[in-house]
Full PDB file with SEQRES, HELIX, SHEET, SSBOND, CRYST1, ORIGX, SCALE, CONECT and MASTER records, all heavy atoms in Angstrom:
SEQRES   1 A   41  SER ASN LEU PHE TYR VAL TYR GLY THR PRO ASP ALA GLU          
SEQRES   2 A   41  THR GLY LEU GLY LEU THR GLY TYR ALA SER ASP TYR GLN          
SEQRES   3 A   41  LEU ARG ASP ARG VAL ASN LEU LEU ASP VAL TYR ALA ARG          
SEQRES   4 A   41  GLY SER                                                      
SHEET    1 AA1 2 ASN A   2  GLY A   8  0                                        
SHEET    2 AA1 2 LEU A  18  ASP A  24 -1                                        
CRYST1    1.000    1.000    1.000  90.00  90.00  90.00 P 1           1          
ORIGX1      1.000000  0.000000  0.000000        0.00000                         
ORIGX2      0.000000  1.000000  0.000000        0.00000                         
ORIGX3      0.000000  0.000000  1.000000        0.00000                         
SCALE1      1.000000  0.000000  0.000000        0.00000                         
SCALE2      0.000000  1.000000  0.000000        0.00000                         
SCALE3      0.000000  0.000000  1.000000        0.00000                         
ATOM      1  N   SER A   1     113.918  99.951 110.426  1.00  0.00           N  
ATOM      2  CA  SER A   1     113.356  98.623 110.642  1.00  0.00           C  
ATOM      3  C   SER A   1     113.430  97.762 109.394  1.00  0.00           C  
ATOM      4  O   SER A   1     113.387  98.255 108.265  1.00  0.00           O  
ATOM      5  CB  SER A   1     111.891  98.727 111.092  1.00  0.00           C  
ATOM      6  OG  SER A   1     111.108  99.363 110.101  1.00  0.00           O  
ATOM      7  N   ASN A   2     113.558  96.472 109.629  1.00  0.00           N  
ATOM      8  CA  ASN A   2     113.317  95.419 108.638  1.00  0.00           C  
ATOM      9  C   ASN A   2     112.216  94.543 109.217  1.00  0.00           C  
ATOM     10  O   ASN A   2     112.389  93.967 110.302  1.00  0.00           O  
ATOM     11  CB  ASN A   2     114.568  94.585 108.386  1.00  0.00           C  
ATOM     12  CG  ASN A   2     115.467  95.172 107.311  1.00  0.00           C  
ATOM     13  OD1 ASN A   2     116.401  94.533 106.848  1.00  0.00           O  
ATOM     14  ND2 ASN A   2     115.208  96.407 106.905  1.00  0.00           N  
ATOM     15  N   LEU A   3     111.094  94.444 108.513  1.00  0.00           N  
ATOM     16  CA  LEU A   3     109.909  93.816 109.084  1.00  0.00           C  
ATOM     17  C   LEU A   3     109.367  92.728 108.162  1.00  0.00           C  
ATOM     18  O   LEU A   3     109.669  92.697 106.969  1.00  0.00           O  
ATOM     19  CB  LEU A   3     108.830  94.878 109.338  1.00  0.00           C  
ATOM     20  CG  LEU A   3     109.243  96.038 110.254  1.00  0.00           C  
ATOM     21  CD1 LEU A   3     108.196  97.138 110.244  1.00  0.00           C  
ATOM     22  CD2 LEU A   3     109.478  95.544 111.676  1.00  0.00           C  
ATOM     23  N   PHE A   4     108.557  91.852 108.751  1.00  0.00           N  
ATOM     24  CA  PHE A   4     107.985  90.734 108.005  1.00  0.00           C  
ATOM     25  C   PHE A   4     106.488  90.688 108.285  1.00  0.00           C  
ATOM     26  O   PHE A   4     106.060  90.660 109.442  1.00  0.00           O  
ATOM     27  CB  PHE A   4     108.641  89.425 108.434  1.00  0.00           C  
ATOM     28  CG  PHE A   4     108.271  88.244 107.581  1.00  0.00           C  
ATOM     29  CD1 PHE A   4     108.689  88.162 106.262  1.00  0.00           C  
ATOM     30  CD2 PHE A   4     107.518  87.206 108.101  1.00  0.00           C  
ATOM     31  CE1 PHE A   4     108.362  87.069 105.473  1.00  0.00           C  
ATOM     32  CE2 PHE A   4     107.190  86.103 107.321  1.00  0.00           C  
ATOM     33  CZ  PHE A   4     107.607  86.043 106.000  1.00  0.00           C  
ATOM     34  N   TYR A   5     105.692  90.701 107.195  1.00  0.00           N  
ATOM     35  CA  TYR A   5     104.238  90.756 107.316  1.00  0.00           C  
ATOM     36  C   TYR A   5     103.631  89.452 106.804  1.00  0.00           C  
ATOM     37  O   TYR A   5     104.012  88.954 105.738  1.00  0.00           O  
ATOM     38  CB  TYR A   5     103.699  91.941 106.511  1.00  0.00           C  
ATOM     39  CG  TYR A   5     102.206  92.121 106.602  1.00  0.00           C  
ATOM     40  CD1 TYR A   5     101.628  92.633 107.753  1.00  0.00           C  
ATOM     41  CD2 TYR A   5     101.375  91.797 105.528  1.00  0.00           C  
ATOM     42  CE1 TYR A   5     100.259  92.826 107.842  1.00  0.00           C  
ATOM     43  CE2 TYR A   5     100.007  91.985 105.606  1.00  0.00           C  
ATOM     44  CZ  TYR A   5      99.449  92.496 106.765  1.00  0.00           C  
ATOM     45  OH  TYR A   5      98.095  92.674 106.846  1.00  0.00           O  
ATOM     46  N   VAL A   6     102.694  88.909 107.551  1.00  0.00           N  
ATOM     47  CA  VAL A   6     102.022  87.658 107.193  1.00  0.00           C  
ATOM     48  C   VAL A   6     100.530  87.938 107.033  1.00  0.00           C  
ATOM     49  O   VAL A   6      99.920  88.576 107.894  1.00  0.00           O  
ATOM     50  CB  VAL A   6     102.252  86.582 108.265  1.00  0.00           C  
ATOM     51  CG1 VAL A   6     101.434  85.324 107.944  1.00  0.00           C  
ATOM     52  CG2 VAL A   6     103.738  86.238 108.373  1.00  0.00           C  
ATOM     53  N   TYR A   7      99.960  87.480 105.928  1.00  0.00           N  
ATOM     54  CA  TYR A   7      98.545  87.741 105.676  1.00  0.00           C  
ATOM     55  C   TYR A   7      97.910  86.515 105.035  1.00  0.00           C  
ATOM     56  O   TYR A   7      98.589  85.587 104.573  1.00  0.00           O  
ATOM     57  CB  TYR A   7      98.373  88.954 104.768  1.00  0.00           C  
ATOM     58  CG  TYR A   7      98.859  88.746 103.353  1.00  0.00           C  
ATOM     59  CD1 TYR A   7      97.967  88.423 102.334  1.00  0.00           C  
ATOM     60  CD2 TYR A   7     100.208  88.852 103.026  1.00  0.00           C  
ATOM     61  CE1 TYR A   7      98.402  88.220 101.031  1.00  0.00           C  
ATOM     62  CE2 TYR A   7     100.651  88.653 101.737  1.00  0.00           C  
ATOM     63  CZ  TYR A   7      99.751  88.346 100.733  1.00  0.00           C  
ATOM     64  OH  TYR A   7     100.187  88.134  99.447  1.00  0.00           O  
ATOM     65  N   GLY A   8      96.583  86.531 104.985  1.00  0.00           N  
ATOM     66  CA  GLY A   8      95.845  85.433 104.368  1.00  0.00           C  
ATOM     67  C   GLY A   8      94.910  84.768 105.361  1.00  0.00           C  
ATOM     68  O   GLY A   8      94.764  85.203 106.509  1.00  0.00           O  
ATOM     69  N   THR A   9      94.268  83.710 104.900  1.00  0.00           N  
ATOM     70  CA  THR A   9      93.333  82.954 105.726  1.00  0.00           C  
ATOM     71  C   THR A   9      93.814  81.513 105.819  1.00  0.00           C  
ATOM     72  O   THR A   9      93.880  80.807 104.804  1.00  0.00           O  
ATOM     73  CB  THR A   9      91.922  82.984 105.114  1.00  0.00           C  
ATOM     74  OG1 THR A   9      91.516  84.349 104.937  1.00  0.00           O  
ATOM     75  CG2 THR A   9      90.926  82.266 106.013  1.00  0.00           C  
ATOM     76  N   PRO A  10      94.185  81.046 107.006  1.00  0.00           N  
ATOM     77  CA  PRO A  10      94.738  79.693 107.131  1.00  0.00           C  
ATOM     78  C   PRO A  10      93.670  78.612 106.988  1.00  0.00           C  
ATOM     79  O   PRO A  10      92.490  78.837 107.262  1.00  0.00           O  
ATOM     80  CB  PRO A  10      95.342  79.692 108.528  1.00  0.00           C  
ATOM     81  CG  PRO A  10      94.518  80.684 109.285  1.00  0.00           C  
ATOM     82  CD  PRO A  10      94.179  81.762 108.291  1.00  0.00           C  
ATOM     83  N   ASP A  11      94.108  77.447 106.558  1.00  0.00           N  
ATOM     84  CA  ASP A  11      93.223  76.285 106.474  1.00  0.00           C  
ATOM     85  C   ASP A  11      92.878  75.811 107.880  1.00  0.00           C  
ATOM     86  O   ASP A  11      93.742  75.748 108.763  1.00  0.00           O  
ATOM     87  CB  ASP A  11      93.909  75.164 105.698  1.00  0.00           C  
ATOM     88  CG  ASP A  11      93.002  73.961 105.531  1.00  0.00           C  
ATOM     89  OD1 ASP A  11      92.169  73.977 104.605  1.00  0.00           O  
ATOM     90  OD2 ASP A  11      93.129  73.016 106.336  1.00  0.00           O  
ATOM     91  N   ALA A  12      91.615  75.482 108.094  1.00  0.00           N  
ATOM     92  CA  ALA A  12      91.148  75.098 109.421  1.00  0.00           C  
ATOM     93  C   ALA A  12      91.820  73.826 109.919  1.00  0.00           C  
ATOM     94  O   ALA A  12      92.007  73.642 111.129  1.00  0.00           O  
ATOM     95  CB  ALA A  12      89.630  74.924 109.415  1.00  0.00           C  
ATOM     96  N   GLU A  13      92.203  72.927 109.003  1.00  0.00           N  
ATOM     97  CA  GLU A  13      92.776  71.635 109.397  1.00  0.00           C  
ATOM     98  C   GLU A  13      94.289  71.681 109.501  1.00  0.00           C  
ATOM     99  O   GLU A  13      94.882  71.176 110.458  1.00  0.00           O  
ATOM    100  CB  GLU A  13      92.354  70.552 108.396  1.00  0.00           C  
ATOM    101  CG  GLU A  13      90.851  70.420 108.209  1.00  0.00           C  
ATOM    102  CD  GLU A  13      90.148  70.036 109.502  1.00  0.00           C  
ATOM    103  OE1 GLU A  13      90.779  69.342 110.333  1.00  0.00           O  
ATOM    104  OE2 GLU A  13      88.981  70.436 109.686  1.00  0.00           O  
ATOM    105  N   THR A  14      94.942  72.295 108.522  1.00  0.00           N  
ATOM    106  CA  THR A  14      96.409  72.237 108.442  1.00  0.00           C  
ATOM    107  C   THR A  14      97.101  73.500 108.941  1.00  0.00           C  
ATOM    108  O   THR A  14      98.297  73.469 109.246  1.00  0.00           O  
ATOM    109  CB  THR A  14      96.841  71.994 106.992  1.00  0.00           C  
ATOM    110  OG1 THR A  14      96.466  73.128 106.185  1.00  0.00           O  
ATOM    111  CG2 THR A  14      96.168  70.744 106.440  1.00  0.00           C  
ATOM    112  N   GLY A  15      96.382  74.603 108.969  1.00  0.00           N  
ATOM    113  CA  GLY A  15      97.015  75.870 109.346  1.00  0.00           C  
ATOM    114  C   GLY A  15      97.799  76.505 108.220  1.00  0.00           C  
ATOM    115  O   GLY A  15      98.410  77.567 108.404  1.00  0.00           O  
ATOM    116  N   LEU A  16      97.778  75.892 107.035  1.00  0.00           N  
ATOM    117  CA  LEU A  16      98.511  76.432 105.897  1.00  0.00           C  
ATOM    118  C   LEU A  16      97.640  77.444 105.149  1.00  0.00           C  
ATOM    119  O   LEU A  16      96.451  77.559 105.391  1.00  0.00           O  
ATOM    120  CB  LEU A  16      98.918  75.293 104.966  1.00  0.00           C  
ATOM    121  CG  LEU A  16      99.756  74.172 105.594  1.00  0.00           C  
ATOM    122  CD1 LEU A  16     100.054  73.089 104.562  1.00  0.00           C  
ATOM    123  CD2 LEU A  16     101.047  74.739 106.181  1.00  0.00           C  
ATOM    124  N   GLY A  17      98.288  78.180 104.219  1.00  0.00           N  
ATOM    125  CA  GLY A  17      97.531  79.116 103.395  1.00  0.00           C  
ATOM    126  C   GLY A  17      97.921  80.568 103.611  1.00  0.00           C  
ATOM    127  O   GLY A  17      97.347  81.461 102.983  1.00  0.00           O  
ATOM    128  N   LEU A  18      98.878  80.823 104.488  1.00  0.00           N  
ATOM    129  CA  LEU A  18      99.332  82.183 104.731  1.00  0.00           C  
ATOM    130  C   LEU A  18     100.529  82.526 103.853  1.00  0.00           C  
ATOM    131  O   LEU A  18     101.287  81.642 103.437  1.00  0.00           O  
ATOM    132  CB  LEU A  18      99.712  82.363 106.205  1.00  0.00           C  
ATOM    133  CG  LEU A  18      98.572  82.168 107.214  1.00  0.00           C  
ATOM    134  CD1 LEU A  18      99.101  82.245 108.637  1.00  0.00           C  
ATOM    135  CD2 LEU A  18      97.474  83.205 106.995  1.00  0.00           C  
ATOM    136  N   THR A  19     100.716  83.802 103.594  1.00  0.00           N  
ATOM    137  CA  THR A  19     101.816  84.294 102.767  1.00  0.00           C  
ATOM    138  C   THR A  19     102.528  85.415 103.506  1.00  0.00           C  
ATOM    139  O   THR A  19     101.894  86.175 104.245  1.00  0.00           O  
ATOM    140  CB  THR A  19     101.293  84.828 101.422  1.00  0.00           C  
ATOM    141  OG1 THR A  19     100.583  83.791 100.757  1.00  0.00           O  
ATOM    142  CG2 THR A  19     102.438  85.309 100.538  1.00  0.00           C  
ATOM    143  N   GLY A  20     103.825  85.531 103.309  1.00  0.00           N  
ATOM    144  CA  GLY A  20     104.578  86.577 103.977  1.00  0.00           C  
ATOM    145  C   GLY A  20     105.401  87.398 103.001  1.00  0.00           C  
ATOM    146  O   GLY A  20     105.761  86.936 101.925  1.00  0.00           O  
ATOM    147  N   TYR A  21     105.677  88.645 103.361  1.00  0.00           N  
ATOM    148  CA  TYR A  21     106.616  89.451 102.585  1.00  0.00           C  
ATOM    149  C   TYR A  21     107.332  90.409 103.530  1.00  0.00           C  
ATOM    150  O   TYR A  21     106.893  90.650 104.664  1.00  0.00           O  
ATOM    151  CB  TYR A  21     105.928  90.197 101.441  1.00  0.00           C  
ATOM    152  CG  TYR A  21     104.974  91.289 101.824  1.00  0.00           C  
ATOM    153  CD1 TYR A  21     105.413  92.600 101.991  1.00  0.00           C  
ATOM    154  CD2 TYR A  21     103.620  91.025 101.995  1.00  0.00           C  
ATOM    155  CE1 TYR A  21     104.537  93.612 102.319  1.00  0.00           C  
ATOM    156  CE2 TYR A  21     102.739  92.034 102.325  1.00  0.00           C  
ATOM    157  CZ  TYR A  21     103.196  93.327 102.486  1.00  0.00           C  
ATOM    158  OH  TYR A  21     102.327  94.324 102.816  1.00  0.00           O  
ATOM    159  N   ALA A  22     108.442  90.957 103.052  1.00  0.00           N  
ATOM    160  CA  ALA A  22     109.303  91.771 103.904  1.00  0.00           C  
ATOM    161  C   ALA A  22     109.278  93.222 103.475  1.00  0.00           C  
ATOM    162  O   ALA A  22     108.919  93.562 102.347  1.00  0.00           O  
ATOM    163  CB  ALA A  22     110.733  91.241 103.851  1.00  0.00           C  
ATOM    164  N   SER A  23     109.685  94.096 104.408  1.00  0.00           N  
ATOM    165  CA  SER A  23     109.774  95.515 104.116  1.00  0.00           C  
ATOM    166  C   SER A  23     110.895  96.139 104.933  1.00  0.00           C  
ATOM    167  O   SER A  23     111.158  95.734 106.074  1.00  0.00           O  
ATOM    168  CB  SER A  23     108.455  96.226 104.444  1.00  0.00           C  
ATOM    169  OG  SER A  23     108.576  97.630 104.322  1.00  0.00           O  
ATOM    170  N   ASP A  24     111.541  97.116 104.319  1.00  0.00           N  
ATOM    171  CA  ASP A  24     112.474  97.988 105.031  1.00  0.00           C  
ATOM    172  C   ASP A  24     111.768  99.327 105.216  1.00  0.00           C  
ATOM    173  O   ASP A  24     111.372  99.965 104.243  1.00  0.00           O  
ATOM    174  CB  ASP A  24     113.759  98.157 104.210  1.00  0.00           C  
ATOM    175  CG  ASP A  24     114.755  99.089 104.885  1.00  0.00           C  
ATOM    176  OD1 ASP A  24     114.444 100.281 105.042  1.00  0.00           O  
ATOM    177  OD2 ASP A  24     115.855  98.627 105.238  1.00  0.00           O  
ATOM    178  N   TYR A  25     111.628  99.755 106.476  1.00  0.00           N  
ATOM    179  CA  TYR A  25     110.889 100.987 106.759  1.00  0.00           C  
ATOM    180  C   TYR A  25     111.804 101.973 107.469  1.00  0.00           C  
ATOM    181  O   TYR A  25     112.464 101.632 108.469  1.00  0.00           O  
ATOM    182  CB  TYR A  25     109.670 100.690 107.627  1.00  0.00           C  
ATOM    183  CG  TYR A  25     108.846 101.916 107.964  1.00  0.00           C  
ATOM    184  CD1 TYR A  25     108.079 102.542 106.989  1.00  0.00           C  
ATOM    185  CD2 TYR A  25     108.856 102.445 109.252  1.00  0.00           C  
ATOM    186  CE1 TYR A  25     107.325 103.676 107.291  1.00  0.00           C  
ATOM    187  CE2 TYR A  25     108.098 103.569 109.563  1.00  0.00           C  
ATOM    188  CZ  TYR A  25     107.343 104.182 108.576  1.00  0.00           C  
ATOM    189  OH  TYR A  25     106.603 105.298 108.874  1.00  0.00           O  
ATOM    190  N   GLN A  26     111.857 103.202 106.950  1.00  0.00           N  
ATOM    191  CA  GLN A  26     112.657 104.273 107.540  1.00  0.00           C  
ATOM    192  C   GLN A  26     111.750 105.473 107.795  1.00  0.00           C  
ATOM    193  O   GLN A  26     110.883 105.792 106.983  1.00  0.00           O  
ATOM    194  CB  GLN A  26     113.789 104.692 106.590  1.00  0.00           C  
ATOM    195  CG  GLN A  26     114.662 103.548 106.119  1.00  0.00           C  
ATOM    196  CD  GLN A  26     115.564 103.017 107.216  1.00  0.00           C  
ATOM    197  OE1 GLN A  26     116.007 103.788 108.074  1.00  0.00           O  
ATOM    198  NE2 GLN A  26     115.826 101.730 107.204  1.00  0.00           N  
ATOM    199  N   LEU A  27     111.982 106.164 108.910  1.00  0.00           N  
ATOM    200  CA  LEU A  27     111.174 107.335 109.244  1.00  0.00           C  
ATOM    201  C   LEU A  27     112.049 108.399 109.887  1.00  0.00           C  
ATOM    202  O   LEU A  27     112.936 108.095 110.694  1.00  0.00           O  
ATOM    203  CB  LEU A  27     110.043 106.960 110.193  1.00  0.00           C  
ATOM    204  CG  LEU A  27     109.156 108.117 110.699  1.00  0.00           C  
ATOM    205  CD1 LEU A  27     107.702 107.683 110.781  1.00  0.00           C  
ATOM    206  CD2 LEU A  27     109.612 108.627 112.072  1.00  0.00           C  
ATOM    207  N   ARG A  28     111.797 109.650 109.509  1.00  0.00           N  
ATOM    208  CA  ARG A  28     112.414 110.805 110.151  1.00  0.00           C  
ATOM    209  C   ARG A  28     111.290 111.810 110.420  1.00  0.00           C  
ATOM    210  O   ARG A  28     110.595 112.237 109.505  1.00  0.00           O  
ATOM    211  CB  ARG A  28     113.485 111.443 109.260  1.00  0.00           C  
ATOM    212  CG  ARG A  28     114.585 110.494 108.823  1.00  0.00           C  
ATOM    213  CD  ARG A  28     115.490 110.104 109.968  1.00  0.00           C  
ATOM    214  NE  ARG A  28     116.557 109.224 109.515  1.00  0.00           N  
ATOM    215  CZ  ARG A  28     116.476 107.894 109.492  1.00  0.00           C  
ATOM    216  NH1 ARG A  28     115.347 107.305 109.882  1.00  0.00           N  
ATOM    217  NH2 ARG A  28     117.490 107.161 109.093  1.00  0.00           N  
ATOM    218  N   ASP A  29     111.168 112.202 111.658  1.00  0.00           N  
ATOM    219  CA  ASP A  29     110.073 113.086 112.072  1.00  0.00           C  
ATOM    220  C   ASP A  29     110.680 114.206 112.906  1.00  0.00           C  
ATOM    221  O   ASP A  29     111.330 113.952 113.924  1.00  0.00           O  
ATOM    222  CB  ASP A  29     109.066 112.278 112.895  1.00  0.00           C  
ATOM    223  CG  ASP A  29     107.799 113.060 113.189  1.00  0.00           C  
ATOM    224  OD1 ASP A  29     107.710 114.221 112.783  1.00  0.00           O  
ATOM    225  OD2 ASP A  29     106.907 112.484 113.844  1.00  0.00           O  
ATOM    226  N   ARG A  30     110.489 115.452 112.476  1.00  0.00           N  
ATOM    227  CA  ARG A  30     111.080 116.588 113.184  1.00  0.00           C  
ATOM    228  C   ARG A  30     110.009 117.615 113.494  1.00  0.00           C  
ATOM    229  O   ARG A  30     109.182 117.951 112.645  1.00  0.00           O  
ATOM    230  CB  ARG A  30     112.185 117.204 112.334  1.00  0.00           C  
ATOM    231  CG  ARG A  30     112.913 118.367 112.977  1.00  0.00           C  
ATOM    232  CD  ARG A  30     112.410 119.698 112.432  1.00  0.00           C  
ATOM    233  NE  ARG A  30     112.616 119.806 111.002  1.00  0.00           N  
ATOM    234  CZ  ARG A  30     111.836 120.546 110.207  1.00  0.00           C  
ATOM    235  NH1 ARG A  30     110.804 121.198 110.705  1.00  0.00           N  
ATOM    236  NH2 ARG A  30     112.074 120.605 108.910  1.00  0.00           N  
ATOM    237  N   VAL A  31     110.002 118.131 114.726  1.00  0.00           N  
ATOM    238  CA  VAL A  31     109.013 119.112 115.144  1.00  0.00           C  
ATOM    239  C   VAL A  31     109.708 120.230 115.915  1.00  0.00           C  
ATOM    240  O   VAL A  31     110.508 119.971 116.828  1.00  0.00           O  
ATOM    241  CB  VAL A  31     107.926 118.482 116.046  1.00  0.00           C  
ATOM    242  CG1 VAL A  31     106.901 119.538 116.463  1.00  0.00           C  
ATOM    243  CG2 VAL A  31     107.235 117.324 115.349  1.00  0.00           C  
ATOM    244  N   ASN A  32     109.416 121.484 115.551  1.00  0.00           N  
ATOM    245  CA  ASN A  32     109.841 122.656 116.305  1.00  0.00           C  
ATOM    246  C   ASN A  32     108.600 123.358 116.840  1.00  0.00           C  
ATOM    247  O   ASN A  32     107.675 123.669 116.071  1.00  0.00           O  
ATOM    248  CB  ASN A  32     110.628 123.629 115.424  1.00  0.00           C  
ATOM    249  CG  ASN A  32     112.000 123.090 115.070  1.00  0.00           C  
ATOM    250  OD1 ASN A  32     112.774 122.712 115.942  1.00  0.00           O  
ATOM    251  ND2 ASN A  32     112.299 123.045 113.778  1.00  0.00           N  
ATOM    252  N   LEU A  33     108.567 123.603 118.144  1.00  0.00           N  
ATOM    253  CA  LEU A  33     107.400 124.202 118.791  1.00  0.00           C  
ATOM    254  C   LEU A  33     107.818 125.443 119.572  1.00  0.00           C  
ATOM    255  O   LEU A  33     108.830 125.428 120.286  1.00  0.00           O  
ATOM    256  CB  LEU A  33     106.753 123.216 119.772  1.00  0.00           C  
ATOM    257  CG  LEU A  33     106.353 121.837 119.238  1.00  0.00           C  
ATOM    258  CD1 LEU A  33     105.941 120.945 120.391  1.00  0.00           C  
ATOM    259  CD2 LEU A  33     105.224 121.975 118.247  1.00  0.00           C  
ATOM    260  N   LEU A  34     107.041 126.499 119.466  1.00  0.00           N  
ATOM    261  CA  LEU A  34     107.260 127.712 120.245  1.00  0.00           C  
ATOM    262  C   LEU A  34     105.918 128.191 120.769  1.00  0.00           C  
ATOM    263  O   LEU A  34     104.960 128.337 120.005  1.00  0.00           O  
ATOM    264  CB  LEU A  34     107.908 128.804 119.391  1.00  0.00           C  
ATOM    265  CG  LEU A  34     108.084 130.171 120.071  1.00  0.00           C  
ATOM    266  CD1 LEU A  34     109.044 130.056 121.258  1.00  0.00           C  
ATOM    267  CD2 LEU A  34     108.566 131.207 119.073  1.00  0.00           C  
ATOM    268  N   ASP A  35     105.844 128.438 122.071  1.00  0.00           N  
ATOM    269  CA  ASP A  35     104.612 128.904 122.698  1.00  0.00           C  
ATOM    270  C   ASP A  35     104.966 130.024 123.671  1.00  0.00           C  
ATOM    271  O   ASP A  35     105.833 129.853 124.545  1.00  0.00           O  
ATOM    272  CB  ASP A  35     103.930 127.748 123.436  1.00  0.00           C  
ATOM    273  CG  ASP A  35     102.567 128.133 123.984  1.00  0.00           C  
ATOM    274  OD1 ASP A  35     101.863 128.901 123.311  1.00  0.00           O  
ATOM    275  OD2 ASP A  35     102.217 127.657 125.082  1.00  0.00           O  
ATOM    276  N   VAL A  36     104.327 131.169 123.505  1.00  0.00           N  
ATOM    277  CA  VAL A  36     104.562 132.321 124.378  1.00  0.00           C  
ATOM    278  C   VAL A  36     103.212 132.820 124.876  1.00  0.00           C  
ATOM    279  O   VAL A  36     102.304 133.057 124.065  1.00  0.00           O  
ATOM    280  CB  VAL A  36     105.307 133.457 123.637  1.00  0.00           C  
ATOM    281  CG1 VAL A  36     105.551 134.627 124.596  1.00  0.00           C  
ATOM    282  CG2 VAL A  36     106.623 132.953 123.058  1.00  0.00           C  
ATOM    283  N   TYR A  37     103.071 132.978 126.184  1.00  0.00           N  
ATOM    284  CA  TYR A  37     101.799 133.471 126.698  1.00  0.00           C  
ATOM    285  C   TYR A  37     101.997 134.215 128.023  1.00  0.00           C  
ATOM    286  O   TYR A  37     102.996 134.022 128.730  1.00  0.00           O  
ATOM    287  CB  TYR A  37     100.784 132.345 126.870  1.00  0.00           C  
ATOM    288  CG  TYR A  37     101.143 131.276 127.877  1.00  0.00           C  
ATOM    289  CD1 TYR A  37     100.626 131.316 129.169  1.00  0.00           C  
ATOM    290  CD2 TYR A  37     101.965 130.209 127.537  1.00  0.00           C  
ATOM    291  CE1 TYR A  37     100.929 130.338 130.099  1.00  0.00           C  
ATOM    292  CE2 TYR A  37     102.273 129.223 128.447  1.00  0.00           C  
ATOM    293  CZ  TYR A  37     101.758 129.292 129.729  1.00  0.00           C  
ATOM    294  OH  TYR A  37     102.071 128.324 130.646  1.00  0.00           O  
ATOM    295  N   ALA A  38     101.044 135.060 128.310  1.00  0.00           N  
ATOM    296  CA  ALA A  38     100.997 135.795 129.573  1.00  0.00           C  
ATOM    297  C   ALA A  38      99.755 135.369 130.331  1.00  0.00           C  
ATOM    298  O   ALA A  38      98.725 135.043 129.742  1.00  0.00           O  
ATOM    299  CB  ALA A  38     100.966 137.301 129.313  1.00  0.00           C  
ATOM    300  N   ARG A  39      99.868 135.364 131.636  1.00  0.00           N  
ATOM    301  CA  ARG A  39      98.706 135.019 132.446  1.00  0.00           C  
ATOM    302  C   ARG A  39      98.752 135.789 133.758  1.00  0.00           C  
ATOM    303  O   ARG A  39      99.808 136.200 134.235  1.00  0.00           O  
ATOM    304  CB  ARG A  39      98.660 133.524 132.726  1.00  0.00           C  
ATOM    305  CG  ARG A  39      99.844 133.018 133.515  1.00  0.00           C  
ATOM    306  CD  ARG A  39      99.784 131.533 133.661  1.00  0.00           C  
ATOM    307  NE  ARG A  39     100.964 131.014 134.325  1.00  0.00           N  
ATOM    308  CZ  ARG A  39     101.287 129.728 134.358  1.00  0.00           C  
ATOM    309  NH1 ARG A  39     100.536 128.852 133.720  1.00  0.00           N  
ATOM    310  NH2 ARG A  39     102.364 129.327 135.003  1.00  0.00           N  
ATOM    311  N   GLY A  40      97.585 136.010 134.318  1.00  0.00           N  
ATOM    312  CA  GLY A  40      97.533 136.748 135.561  1.00  0.00           C  
ATOM    313  C   GLY A  40      96.109 136.998 135.986  1.00  0.00           C  
ATOM    314  O   GLY A  40      95.188 136.273 135.584  1.00  0.00           O  
ATOM    315  N   SER A  41      95.899 138.037 136.781  1.00  0.00           N  
ATOM    316  CA  SER A  41      94.579 138.305 137.321  1.00  0.00           C  
ATOM    317  C   SER A  41      94.310 139.800 137.323  1.00  0.00           C  
ATOM    318  O   SER A  41      95.229 140.621 137.225  1.00  0.00           O  
ATOM    319  CB  SER A  41      94.462 137.761 138.745  1.00  0.00           C  
ATOM    320  OG  SER A  41      95.320 138.484 139.618  1.00  0.00           O  
TER     321      SER A  41                                                      
MASTER        0    0    0    0    2    0    0    6  320    1    0    4          
END                                                                             
């Protein structure tokens, strides 16, 4: 992703006063799952 974040408190009359900055975000998520069970009566 390339993202843009806006923060701050805008002026009640003009709506100005906010600031923005950008970010490049990368993620890698890997999961290995193993489940073994017995069931019965």
